Amino acid sequence: MRLMKLARARAAFGLMAVATAAMLITPMLSSAQSAPGGAPAAARTEAQSAQAEFMLVQQELAQLEQEVLKDPAIRKEYDAVQAAIQEAARALDERHQSRVERLAELQQELQALTSSGSPSPEVLQPLVTEARGLQERVVAVQEYVARSEPLKTRITELRARMTARMSEIDPQAPQKLERLTVLAKGLSASGR
């Protein structure tokens, strides 16, 4: 479910913070949570394989997005849309900014912990649980405001420009975007 939300958020407005959160938190979530007890080994392996592919495709698309954002005109519009999303999210939820800031702190803590070795699940779990809750709330608010006009139209236009530019850089970009969506739906259905 959380991967589907992340994929929808990225599809809706290519939010770099969502990609960063997914790349840092999702692997930690899977290592900190135990596999479903009753699931057959083959099903767990298939889900892990799909999750690994999801992360790989998402990383490839994030790199393409970074390349596209080197275009000054696209970058300017992207930054303006991001600012409008954040402004609308803060207007809707007075705690939005503090959640975003705390999520960034948690990402740094988790990254430092995992960089310094293999922290125990007892250390990771509370941080991951808090990060997951914050991430879900932040994404939900941002998705909600992104669906409202005039943001929805601006996002759709920006997404079309970015996708076209991604396709110029990598002709496989549309297929990668589609594959990410398919993987997210499959992972969501499997409960990962």
N, C-alpha and C. Protein backbone atom coordinates (compact mmCIF):
# COMPACT_ATOMS: atom_id res chain seq x y z
N MET A 1 0.81 -1.19 0.00
CA MET A 1 0.00 0.00 0.00
C MET A 1 0.86 1.27 0.00
N ARG A 2 1.91 1.29 0.87
CA ARG A 2 2.72 2.51 0.90
C ARG A 2 3.48 2.71 -0.40
N LEU A 3 3.91 1.63 -1.07
CA LEU A 3 4.60 1.78 -2.35
C LEU A 3 3.66 2.33 -3.40
N MET A 4 2.40 1.91 -3.36
CA MET A 4 1.41 2.43 -4.32
C MET A 4 1.21 3.92 -4.10
N LYS A 5 1.12 4.35 -2.83
CA LYS A 5 0.96 5.76 -2.53
C LYS A 5 2.16 6.55 -3.04
N LEU A 6 3.35 6.00 -2.83
CA LEU A 6 4.55 6.69 -3.31
C LEU A 6 4.57 6.79 -4.82
N ALA A 7 4.20 5.71 -5.48
CA ALA A 7 4.17 5.73 -6.95
C ALA A 7 3.13 6.72 -7.45
N ARG A 8 1.95 6.75 -6.82
CA ARG A 8 0.92 7.71 -7.22
C ARG A 8 1.40 9.13 -7.00
N ALA A 9 2.06 9.37 -5.88
CA ALA A 9 2.56 10.71 -5.59
C ALA A 9 3.59 11.12 -6.63
N ARG A 10 4.51 10.21 -6.97
CA ARG A 10 5.52 10.53 -7.99
C ARG A 10 4.85 10.76 -9.34
N ALA A 11 3.86 9.93 -9.67
CA ALA A 11 3.17 10.10 -10.95
C ALA A 11 2.41 11.41 -10.97
N ALA A 12 1.86 11.81 -9.83
CA ALA A 12 1.07 13.03 -9.78
C ALA A 12 1.94 14.27 -9.93
N PHE A 13 3.07 14.32 -9.27
CA PHE A 13 3.85 15.54 -9.33
C PHE A 13 5.34 15.37 -9.20
N GLY A 14 5.85 14.16 -9.42
CA GLY A 14 7.29 13.95 -9.43
C GLY A 14 8.01 14.52 -8.23
N LEU A 15 7.48 14.33 -7.09
CA LEU A 15 8.01 14.94 -5.89
C LEU A 15 9.33 14.29 -5.48
N MET A 16 10.42 15.07 -5.51
CA MET A 16 11.73 14.51 -5.17
C MET A 16 11.75 14.05 -3.73
N ALA A 17 11.08 14.75 -2.85
CA ALA A 17 11.07 14.34 -1.44
C ALA A 17 10.44 12.96 -1.28
N VAL A 18 9.44 12.68 -2.07
CA VAL A 18 8.81 11.37 -2.01
C VAL A 18 9.78 10.30 -2.48
N ALA A 19 10.52 10.59 -3.54
CA ALA A 19 11.51 9.63 -4.02
C ALA A 19 12.58 9.40 -2.97
N THR A 20 13.04 10.47 -2.38
CA THR A 20 14.06 10.35 -1.35
C THR A 20 13.56 9.53 -0.18
N ALA A 21 12.35 9.84 0.26
CA ALA A 21 11.78 9.08 1.37
C ALA A 21 11.64 7.62 1.01
N ALA A 22 11.18 7.35 -0.19
CA ALA A 22 11.00 5.96 -0.60
C ALA A 22 12.33 5.24 -0.68
N MET A 23 13.35 5.90 -1.23
CA MET A 23 14.64 5.25 -1.39
C MET A 23 15.31 5.01 -0.05
N LEU A 24 15.09 5.89 0.94
CA LEU A 24 15.72 5.71 2.24
C LEU A 24 14.90 4.84 3.18
N ILE A 25 13.59 5.06 3.20
CA ILE A 25 12.76 4.40 4.20
C ILE A 25 12.27 3.04 3.76
N THR A 26 11.87 2.87 2.51
CA THR A 26 11.29 1.60 2.08
C THR A 26 12.21 0.41 2.31
N PRO A 27 13.52 0.48 1.97
CA PRO A 27 14.36 -0.67 2.27
C PRO A 27 14.44 -0.95 3.77
N MET A 28 14.41 0.10 4.57
CA MET A 28 14.47 -0.08 6.01
C MET A 28 13.19 -0.68 6.55
N LEU A 29 12.07 -0.29 5.93
CA LEU A 29 10.80 -0.87 6.34
C LEU A 29 10.80 -2.37 6.11
N SER A 30 11.30 -2.79 4.96
CA SER A 30 11.26 -4.21 4.66
C SER A 30 12.22 -4.99 5.54
N SER A 31 13.34 -4.39 5.92
CA SER A 31 14.26 -5.12 6.79
C SER A 31 13.79 -5.10 8.23
N ALA A 32 13.04 -4.10 8.62
CA ALA A 32 12.59 -3.99 10.00
C ALA A 32 11.32 -4.77 10.27
N GLN A 33 10.55 -5.09 9.23
CA GLN A 33 9.32 -5.83 9.45
C GLN A 33 9.53 -7.28 9.07
N SER A 34 8.87 -8.17 9.75
CA SER A 34 9.05 -9.58 9.45
C SER A 34 8.15 -9.97 8.29
N ALA A 35 8.54 -11.01 7.59
CA ALA A 35 7.75 -11.50 6.46
C ALA A 35 6.48 -12.12 6.99
N PRO A 36 5.40 -12.10 6.19
CA PRO A 36 4.16 -12.71 6.63
C PRO A 36 4.40 -14.17 6.99
N GLY A 37 3.96 -14.54 8.19
CA GLY A 37 4.23 -15.88 8.70
C GLY A 37 3.69 -16.99 7.84
N GLY A 38 2.49 -16.84 7.32
CA GLY A 38 1.87 -17.91 6.56
C GLY A 38 2.19 -17.90 5.08
N ALA A 39 2.92 -16.91 4.61
CA ALA A 39 3.18 -16.81 3.17
C ALA A 39 4.23 -17.84 2.75
N PRO A 40 3.96 -18.55 1.66
CA PRO A 40 4.94 -19.52 1.17
C PRO A 40 6.23 -18.80 0.75
N ALA A 41 7.33 -19.53 0.84
CA ALA A 41 8.64 -18.96 0.52
C ALA A 41 8.67 -18.40 -0.90
N ALA A 42 8.04 -19.08 -1.85
CA ALA A 42 8.03 -18.61 -3.24
C ALA A 42 7.33 -17.27 -3.36
N ALA A 43 6.22 -17.10 -2.64
CA ALA A 43 5.48 -15.84 -2.69
C ALA A 43 6.31 -14.71 -2.08
N ARG A 44 7.02 -15.01 -0.98
CA ARG A 44 7.89 -13.99 -0.37
C ARG A 44 9.01 -13.60 -1.32
N THR A 45 9.61 -14.60 -1.97
CA THR A 45 10.70 -14.34 -2.91
C THR A 45 10.21 -13.51 -4.09
N GLU A 46 9.03 -13.85 -4.60
CA GLU A 46 8.45 -13.09 -5.72
C GLU A 46 8.17 -11.66 -5.31
N ALA A 47 7.62 -11.45 -4.12
CA ALA A 47 7.34 -10.10 -3.64
C ALA A 47 8.64 -9.32 -3.42
N GLN A 48 9.66 -9.99 -2.89
CA GLN A 48 10.95 -9.33 -2.69
C GLN A 48 11.58 -8.95 -4.03
N SER A 49 11.44 -9.82 -5.01
CA SER A 49 11.96 -9.55 -6.35
C SER A 49 11.24 -8.35 -6.97
N ALA A 50 9.92 -8.32 -6.82
CA ALA A 50 9.13 -7.20 -7.36
C ALA A 50 9.51 -5.90 -6.65
N GLN A 51 9.71 -5.99 -5.33
CA GLN A 51 10.09 -4.79 -4.58
C GLN A 51 11.47 -4.30 -5.02
N ALA A 52 12.40 -5.22 -5.24
CA ALA A 52 13.73 -4.83 -5.70
C ALA A 52 13.66 -4.19 -7.09
N GLU A 53 12.85 -4.76 -7.97
CA GLU A 53 12.70 -4.18 -9.30
C GLU A 53 12.05 -2.80 -9.21
N PHE A 54 11.04 -2.67 -8.35
CA PHE A 54 10.39 -1.38 -8.13
C PHE A 54 11.42 -0.32 -7.74
N MET A 55 12.26 -0.67 -6.76
CA MET A 55 13.26 0.28 -6.29
C MET A 55 14.26 0.63 -7.39
N LEU A 56 14.65 -0.35 -8.19
CA LEU A 56 15.59 -0.12 -9.29
C LEU A 56 14.99 0.81 -10.34
N VAL A 57 13.77 0.52 -10.76
CA VAL A 57 13.10 1.35 -11.78
C VAL A 57 12.88 2.75 -11.22
N GLN A 58 12.47 2.83 -9.97
CA GLN A 58 12.25 4.13 -9.35
C GLN A 58 13.55 4.94 -9.30
N GLN A 59 14.65 4.27 -8.99
CA GLN A 59 15.95 4.95 -8.95
C GLN A 59 16.35 5.43 -10.35
N GLU A 60 16.12 4.60 -11.37
CA GLU A 60 16.44 5.01 -12.74
C GLU A 60 15.62 6.23 -13.14
N LEU A 61 14.34 6.23 -12.78
CA LEU A 61 13.48 7.37 -13.12
C LEU A 61 13.87 8.62 -12.33
N ALA A 62 14.28 8.44 -11.09
CA ALA A 62 14.73 9.58 -10.29
C ALA A 62 15.98 10.21 -10.92
N GLN A 63 16.88 9.38 -11.44
CA GLN A 63 18.07 9.90 -12.11
C GLN A 63 17.69 10.65 -13.39
N LEU A 64 16.74 10.10 -14.13
CA LEU A 64 16.25 10.79 -15.33
C LEU A 64 15.61 12.12 -14.96
N GLU A 65 14.82 12.10 -13.90
CA GLU A 65 14.18 13.33 -13.43
C GLU A 65 15.22 14.38 -13.09
N GLN A 66 16.30 13.97 -12.43
CA GLN A 66 17.36 14.92 -12.09
C GLN A 66 18.00 15.51 -13.35
N GLU A 67 18.16 14.68 -14.36
CA GLU A 67 18.72 15.15 -15.63
C GLU A 67 17.77 16.17 -16.28
N VAL A 68 16.49 15.87 -16.28
CA VAL A 68 15.49 16.77 -16.86
C VAL A 68 15.47 18.10 -16.11
N LEU A 69 15.64 18.03 -14.79
CA LEU A 69 15.57 19.25 -13.98
C LEU A 69 16.78 20.16 -14.15
N LYS A 70 17.74 19.74 -14.95
CA LYS A 70 18.87 20.61 -15.28
C LYS A 70 18.46 21.67 -16.29
N ASP A 71 17.34 21.44 -16.98
CA ASP A 71 16.78 22.43 -17.92
C ASP A 71 16.23 23.59 -17.09
N PRO A 72 16.77 24.80 -17.25
CA PRO A 72 16.35 25.93 -16.40
C PRO A 72 14.85 26.23 -16.45
N ALA A 73 14.23 26.13 -17.61
CA ALA A 73 12.80 26.44 -17.72
C ALA A 73 11.96 25.40 -16.97
N ILE A 74 12.32 24.13 -17.14
CA ILE A 74 11.59 23.08 -16.44
C ILE A 74 11.84 23.19 -14.94
N ARG A 75 13.07 23.47 -14.55
CA ARG A 75 13.40 23.59 -13.14
C ARG A 75 12.61 24.72 -12.48
N LYS A 76 12.52 25.83 -13.19
CA LYS A 76 11.78 26.98 -12.64
C LYS A 76 10.32 26.62 -12.40
N GLU A 77 9.69 25.98 -13.38
CA GLU A 77 8.28 25.59 -13.23
C GLU A 77 8.13 24.52 -12.15
N TYR A 78 9.05 23.58 -12.12
CA TYR A 78 9.03 22.52 -11.10
C TYR A 78 9.09 23.12 -9.70
N ASP A 79 10.03 24.03 -9.50
CA ASP A 79 10.17 24.68 -8.19
C ASP A 79 8.91 25.47 -7.83
N ALA A 80 8.32 26.14 -8.81
CA ALA A 80 7.10 26.91 -8.56
C ALA A 80 5.94 25.99 -8.18
N VAL A 81 5.83 24.85 -8.86
CA VAL A 81 4.77 23.89 -8.54
C VAL A 81 5.01 23.30 -7.14
N GLN A 82 6.25 22.95 -6.84
CA GLN A 82 6.57 22.40 -5.52
C GLN A 82 6.21 23.41 -4.42
N ALA A 83 6.57 24.67 -4.65
CA ALA A 83 6.26 25.71 -3.67
C ALA A 83 4.75 25.87 -3.50
N ALA A 84 4.01 25.81 -4.60
CA ALA A 84 2.55 25.93 -4.53
C ALA A 84 1.94 24.74 -3.79
N ILE A 85 2.49 23.55 -4.02
CA ILE A 85 2.00 22.36 -3.30
C ILE A 85 2.25 22.52 -1.80
N GLN A 86 3.46 22.93 -1.45
CA GLN A 86 3.80 23.09 -0.03
C GLN A 86 2.94 24.17 0.62
N GLU A 87 2.74 25.27 -0.10
CA GLU A 87 1.91 26.35 0.44
C GLU A 87 0.48 25.88 0.67
N ALA A 88 -0.08 25.17 -0.31
CA ALA A 88 -1.45 24.65 -0.17
C ALA A 88 -1.52 23.61 0.94
N ALA A 89 -0.49 22.79 1.07
CA ALA A 89 -0.47 21.77 2.13
C ALA A 89 -0.41 22.42 3.51
N ARG A 90 0.40 23.47 3.64
CA ARG A 90 0.49 24.18 4.93
C ARG A 90 -0.83 24.88 5.26
N ALA A 91 -1.50 25.40 4.23
CA ALA A 91 -2.79 26.05 4.47
C ALA A 91 -3.85 25.03 4.90
N LEU A 92 -3.76 23.83 4.37
CA LEU A 92 -4.72 22.78 4.69
C LEU A 92 -4.44 22.16 6.06
N ASP A 93 -3.16 21.96 6.38
CA ASP A 93 -2.76 21.26 7.60
C ASP A 93 -1.68 22.07 8.29
N GLU A 94 -2.02 22.69 9.40
CA GLU A 94 -1.06 23.56 10.09
C GLU A 94 0.18 22.83 10.59
N ARG A 95 0.12 21.51 10.73
CA ARG A 95 1.27 20.73 11.19
C ARG A 95 2.09 20.14 10.04
N HIS A 96 1.70 20.45 8.81
CA HIS A 96 2.38 19.87 7.65
C HIS A 96 3.88 20.17 7.66
N GLN A 97 4.25 21.43 7.84
CA GLN A 97 5.66 21.81 7.79
C GLN A 97 6.46 21.11 8.87
N SER A 98 5.93 21.03 10.06
CA SER A 98 6.68 20.36 11.14
C SER A 98 6.82 18.87 10.84
N ARG A 99 5.83 18.27 10.19
CA ARG A 99 5.94 16.86 9.79
C ARG A 99 7.03 16.67 8.73
N VAL A 100 7.07 17.57 7.76
CA VAL A 100 8.09 17.50 6.71
C VAL A 100 9.48 17.63 7.33
N GLU A 101 9.63 18.56 8.25
CA GLU A 101 10.92 18.77 8.89
C GLU A 101 11.32 17.55 9.73
N ARG A 102 10.39 16.99 10.47
CA ARG A 102 10.70 15.81 11.28
C ARG A 102 11.03 14.61 10.39
N LEU A 103 10.33 14.46 9.28
CA LEU A 103 10.62 13.38 8.35
C LEU A 103 12.04 13.51 7.81
N ALA A 104 12.46 14.72 7.49
CA ALA A 104 13.83 14.95 7.01
C ALA A 104 14.84 14.58 8.09
N GLU A 105 14.55 14.94 9.35
CA GLU A 105 15.43 14.57 10.46
C GLU A 105 15.53 13.05 10.59
N LEU A 106 14.40 12.38 10.51
CA LEU A 106 14.39 10.92 10.62
C LEU A 106 15.16 10.28 9.47
N GLN A 107 15.01 10.82 8.28
CA GLN A 107 15.75 10.28 7.14
C GLN A 107 17.25 10.38 7.39
N GLN A 108 17.69 11.51 7.92
CA GLN A 108 19.11 11.68 8.22
C GLN A 108 19.56 10.71 9.31
N GLU A 109 18.75 10.56 10.35
CA GLU A 109 19.09 9.62 11.42
C GLU A 109 19.18 8.19 10.88
N LEU A 110 18.19 7.80 10.09
CA LEU A 110 18.18 6.43 9.55
C LEU A 110 19.36 6.22 8.61
N GLN A 111 19.66 7.20 7.80
CA GLN A 111 20.78 7.08 6.88
C GLN A 111 22.09 6.96 7.66
N ALA A 112 22.25 7.76 8.72
CA ALA A 112 23.46 7.70 9.54
C ALA A 112 23.57 6.34 10.22
N LEU A 113 22.46 5.84 10.73
CA LEU A 113 22.48 4.53 11.40
C LEU A 113 22.86 3.42 10.44
N THR A 114 22.26 3.41 9.27
CA THR A 114 22.55 2.34 8.32
C THR A 114 23.94 2.49 7.70
N SER A 115 24.45 3.71 7.60
CA SER A 115 25.80 3.92 7.08
C SER A 115 26.86 3.48 8.07
N SER A 116 26.53 3.54 9.34
CA SER A 116 27.52 3.20 10.37
C SER A 116 27.55 1.70 10.70
N GLY A 117 26.81 0.92 9.98
CA GLY A 117 26.81 -0.52 10.22
C GLY A 117 25.41 -1.09 10.15
N SER A 118 25.21 -2.17 10.85
CA SER A 118 23.91 -2.84 10.87
C SER A 118 23.24 -2.61 12.21
N PRO A 119 22.44 -1.55 12.31
CA PRO A 119 21.78 -1.30 13.59
C PRO A 119 20.75 -2.39 13.88
N SER A 120 20.51 -2.59 15.15
CA SER A 120 19.56 -3.63 15.54
C SER A 120 18.14 -3.20 15.20
N PRO A 121 17.27 -4.18 14.99
CA PRO A 121 15.86 -3.86 14.74
C PRO A 121 15.23 -3.05 15.88
N GLU A 122 15.71 -3.26 17.11
CA GLU A 122 15.17 -2.51 18.25
C GLU A 122 15.46 -1.02 18.13
N VAL A 123 16.58 -0.69 17.51
CA VAL A 123 16.94 0.71 17.30
C VAL A 123 16.19 1.26 16.09
N LEU A 124 16.15 0.47 15.01
CA LEU A 124 15.52 0.93 13.77
C LEU A 124 14.01 1.04 13.86
N GLN A 125 13.36 0.05 14.44
CA GLN A 125 11.89 -0.05 14.38
C GLN A 125 11.15 1.20 14.84
N PRO A 126 11.48 1.80 15.99
CA PRO A 126 10.73 3.01 16.39
C PRO A 126 10.90 4.17 15.40
N LEU A 127 12.12 4.31 14.88
CA LEU A 127 12.37 5.39 13.92
C LEU A 127 11.62 5.13 12.62
N VAL A 128 11.66 3.90 12.15
CA VAL A 128 10.98 3.54 10.91
C VAL A 128 9.47 3.70 11.07
N THR A 129 8.95 3.29 12.20
CA THR A 129 7.50 3.41 12.45
C THR A 129 7.09 4.88 12.44
N GLU A 130 7.86 5.72 13.11
CA GLU A 130 7.55 7.15 13.12
C GLU A 130 7.66 7.74 11.71
N ALA A 131 8.72 7.37 10.99
CA ALA A 131 8.92 7.88 9.63
C ALA A 131 7.78 7.44 8.72
N ARG A 132 7.36 6.19 8.86
CA ARG A 132 6.27 5.68 8.02
C ARG A 132 4.99 6.50 8.25
N GLY A 133 4.66 6.74 9.51
CA GLY A 133 3.46 7.51 9.81
C GLY A 133 3.52 8.93 9.26
N LEU A 134 4.66 9.57 9.45
CA LEU A 134 4.84 10.93 8.94
C LEU A 134 4.79 10.96 7.42
N GLN A 135 5.47 10.00 6.81
CA GLN A 135 5.50 9.93 5.35
C GLN A 135 4.10 9.75 4.79
N GLU A 136 3.33 8.87 5.37
CA GLU A 136 1.97 8.64 4.87
C GLU A 136 1.12 9.89 5.00
N ARG A 137 1.25 10.61 6.12
CA ARG A 137 0.46 11.83 6.31
C ARG A 137 0.90 12.94 5.35
N VAL A 138 2.21 13.12 5.20
CA VAL A 138 2.73 14.15 4.30
C VAL A 138 2.28 13.87 2.86
N VAL A 139 2.44 12.63 2.41
CA VAL A 139 2.05 12.26 1.05
C VAL A 139 0.55 12.43 0.86
N ALA A 140 -0.24 12.03 1.84
CA ALA A 140 -1.71 12.15 1.73
C ALA A 140 -2.12 13.62 1.55
N VAL A 141 -1.55 14.50 2.34
CA VAL A 141 -1.89 15.93 2.24
C VAL A 141 -1.44 16.47 0.88
N GLN A 142 -0.23 16.12 0.46
CA GLN A 142 0.27 16.61 -0.82
C GLN A 142 -0.55 16.07 -1.99
N GLU A 143 -0.93 14.79 -1.91
CA GLU A 143 -1.79 14.24 -2.97
C GLU A 143 -3.13 14.97 -3.02
N TYR A 144 -3.69 15.24 -1.87
CA TYR A 144 -4.98 15.92 -1.80
C TYR A 144 -4.91 17.30 -2.46
N VAL A 145 -3.92 18.10 -2.08
CA VAL A 145 -3.83 19.45 -2.66
C VAL A 145 -3.45 19.39 -4.14
N ALA A 146 -2.71 18.36 -4.54
CA ALA A 146 -2.31 18.24 -5.95
C ALA A 146 -3.49 17.92 -6.86
N ARG A 147 -4.56 17.40 -6.28
CA ARG A 147 -5.75 17.08 -7.08
C ARG A 147 -6.68 18.28 -7.25
N SER A 148 -6.37 19.37 -6.58
CA SER A 148 -7.24 20.54 -6.66
C SER A 148 -6.76 21.47 -7.77
N GLU A 149 -7.71 22.19 -8.35
CA GLU A 149 -7.36 23.19 -9.38
C GLU A 149 -6.92 24.45 -8.68
N PRO A 150 -6.06 25.22 -9.23
CA PRO A 150 -5.38 25.10 -10.52
C PRO A 150 -4.12 24.22 -10.46
N LEU A 151 -3.77 23.70 -9.29
CA LEU A 151 -2.57 22.87 -9.19
C LEU A 151 -2.62 21.65 -10.09
N LYS A 152 -3.77 21.02 -10.16
CA LYS A 152 -3.91 19.81 -10.97
C LYS A 152 -3.50 20.07 -12.42
N THR A 153 -3.96 21.17 -12.98
CA THR A 153 -3.63 21.51 -14.37
C THR A 153 -2.14 21.81 -14.51
N ARG A 154 -1.58 22.57 -13.58
CA ARG A 154 -0.15 22.89 -13.63
C ARG A 154 0.70 21.62 -13.55
N ILE A 155 0.30 20.72 -12.67
CA ILE A 155 1.04 19.47 -12.50
C ILE A 155 0.96 18.61 -13.76
N THR A 156 -0.23 18.53 -14.34
CA THR A 156 -0.40 17.73 -15.56
C THR A 156 0.47 18.29 -16.69
N GLU A 157 0.49 19.59 -16.85
CA GLU A 157 1.30 20.22 -17.89
C GLU A 157 2.79 20.00 -17.63
N LEU A 158 3.22 20.17 -16.38
CA LEU A 158 4.61 19.96 -16.03
C LEU A 158 5.01 18.50 -16.23
N ARG A 159 4.15 17.59 -15.80
CA ARG A 159 4.44 16.16 -15.97
C ARG A 159 4.61 15.82 -17.45
N ALA A 160 3.76 16.38 -18.30
CA ALA A 160 3.87 16.11 -19.75
C ALA A 160 5.20 16.63 -20.29
N ARG A 161 5.59 17.82 -19.87
CA ARG A 161 6.88 18.38 -20.32
C ARG A 161 8.04 17.52 -19.84
N MET A 162 7.98 17.12 -18.58
CA MET A 162 9.06 16.32 -18.02
C MET A 162 9.14 14.94 -18.67
N THR A 163 7.98 14.32 -18.90
CA THR A 163 7.96 13.00 -19.53
C THR A 163 8.49 13.08 -20.96
N ALA A 164 8.11 14.12 -21.68
CA ALA A 164 8.62 14.29 -23.05
C ALA A 164 10.14 14.46 -23.04
N ARG A 165 10.64 15.24 -22.10
CA ARG A 165 12.08 15.46 -22.01
C ARG A 165 12.78 14.17 -21.57
N MET A 166 12.18 13.42 -20.65
CA MET A 166 12.75 12.13 -20.22
C MET A 166 12.86 11.19 -21.42
N SER A 167 11.83 11.20 -22.26
CA SER A 167 11.82 10.32 -23.44
C SER A 167 12.90 10.70 -24.43
N GLU A 168 13.24 11.99 -24.50
CA GLU A 168 14.33 12.43 -25.37
C GLU A 168 15.67 11.89 -24.85
N ILE A 169 15.82 11.89 -23.54
CA ILE A 169 17.06 11.41 -22.92
C ILE A 169 17.13 9.89 -22.97
N ASP A 170 16.02 9.25 -22.62
CA ASP A 170 15.95 7.78 -22.59
C ASP A 170 14.65 7.35 -23.26
N PRO A 171 14.72 6.82 -24.47
CA PRO A 171 13.51 6.42 -25.19
C PRO A 171 12.69 5.36 -24.43
N GLN A 172 13.29 4.69 -23.45
CA GLN A 172 12.57 3.68 -22.67
C GLN A 172 11.82 4.28 -21.47
N ALA A 173 11.91 5.58 -21.27
CA ALA A 173 11.29 6.23 -20.11
C ALA A 173 9.79 5.94 -20.00
N PRO A 174 9.00 6.04 -21.08
CA PRO A 174 7.56 5.75 -20.93
C PRO A 174 7.30 4.32 -20.45
N GLN A 175 8.09 3.37 -20.96
CA GLN A 175 7.93 1.98 -20.53
C GLN A 175 8.33 1.82 -19.05
N LYS A 176 9.36 2.54 -18.64
CA LYS A 176 9.78 2.48 -17.23
C LYS A 176 8.71 3.06 -16.32
N LEU A 177 8.11 4.16 -16.74
CA LEU A 177 7.02 4.75 -15.95
C LEU A 177 5.85 3.78 -15.84
N GLU A 178 5.52 3.15 -16.94
CA GLU A 178 4.43 2.16 -16.93
C GLU A 178 4.78 0.97 -16.04
N ARG A 179 6.03 0.52 -16.14
CA ARG A 179 6.47 -0.63 -15.33
C ARG A 179 6.41 -0.29 -13.85
N LEU A 180 6.79 0.92 -13.50
CA LEU A 180 6.72 1.35 -12.10
C LEU A 180 5.29 1.29 -11.58
N THR A 181 4.36 1.74 -12.40
CA THR A 181 2.95 1.71 -12.02
C THR A 181 2.46 0.28 -11.84
N VAL A 182 2.82 -0.60 -12.78
CA VAL A 182 2.41 -2.01 -12.70
C VAL A 182 2.99 -2.67 -11.45
N LEU A 183 4.28 -2.43 -11.20
CA LEU A 183 4.91 -3.00 -10.01
C LEU A 183 4.26 -2.48 -8.73
N ALA A 184 3.97 -1.20 -8.69
CA ALA A 184 3.34 -0.62 -7.50
C ALA A 184 1.98 -1.24 -7.25
N LYS A 185 1.20 -1.44 -8.31
CA LYS A 185 -0.11 -2.07 -8.15
C LYS A 185 0.04 -3.50 -7.64
N GLY A 186 1.00 -4.23 -8.18
CA GLY A 186 1.23 -5.61 -7.74
C GLY A 186 1.67 -5.67 -6.30
N LEU A 187 2.57 -4.78 -5.91
CA LEU A 187 3.04 -4.75 -4.52
C LEU A 187 1.93 -4.34 -3.58
N SER A 188 1.10 -3.41 -4.03
CA SER A 188 -0.03 -2.97 -3.21
C SER A 188 -1.00 -4.13 -2.99
N ALA A 189 -1.26 -4.88 -4.05
CA ALA A 189 -2.18 -6.01 -3.95
C ALA A 189 -1.62 -7.11 -3.05
N SER A 190 -0.28 -7.26 -3.03
CA SER A 190 0.31 -8.30 -2.20
C SER A 190 0.51 -7.86 -0.76
N GLY A 191 0.20 -6.57 -0.49
CA GLY A 191 0.28 -6.08 0.88
C GLY A 191 1.65 -5.65 1.32
N ARG A 192 2.59 -5.46 0.42
CA ARG A 192 3.96 -5.04 0.77
C ARG A 192 4.05 -3.54 0.85
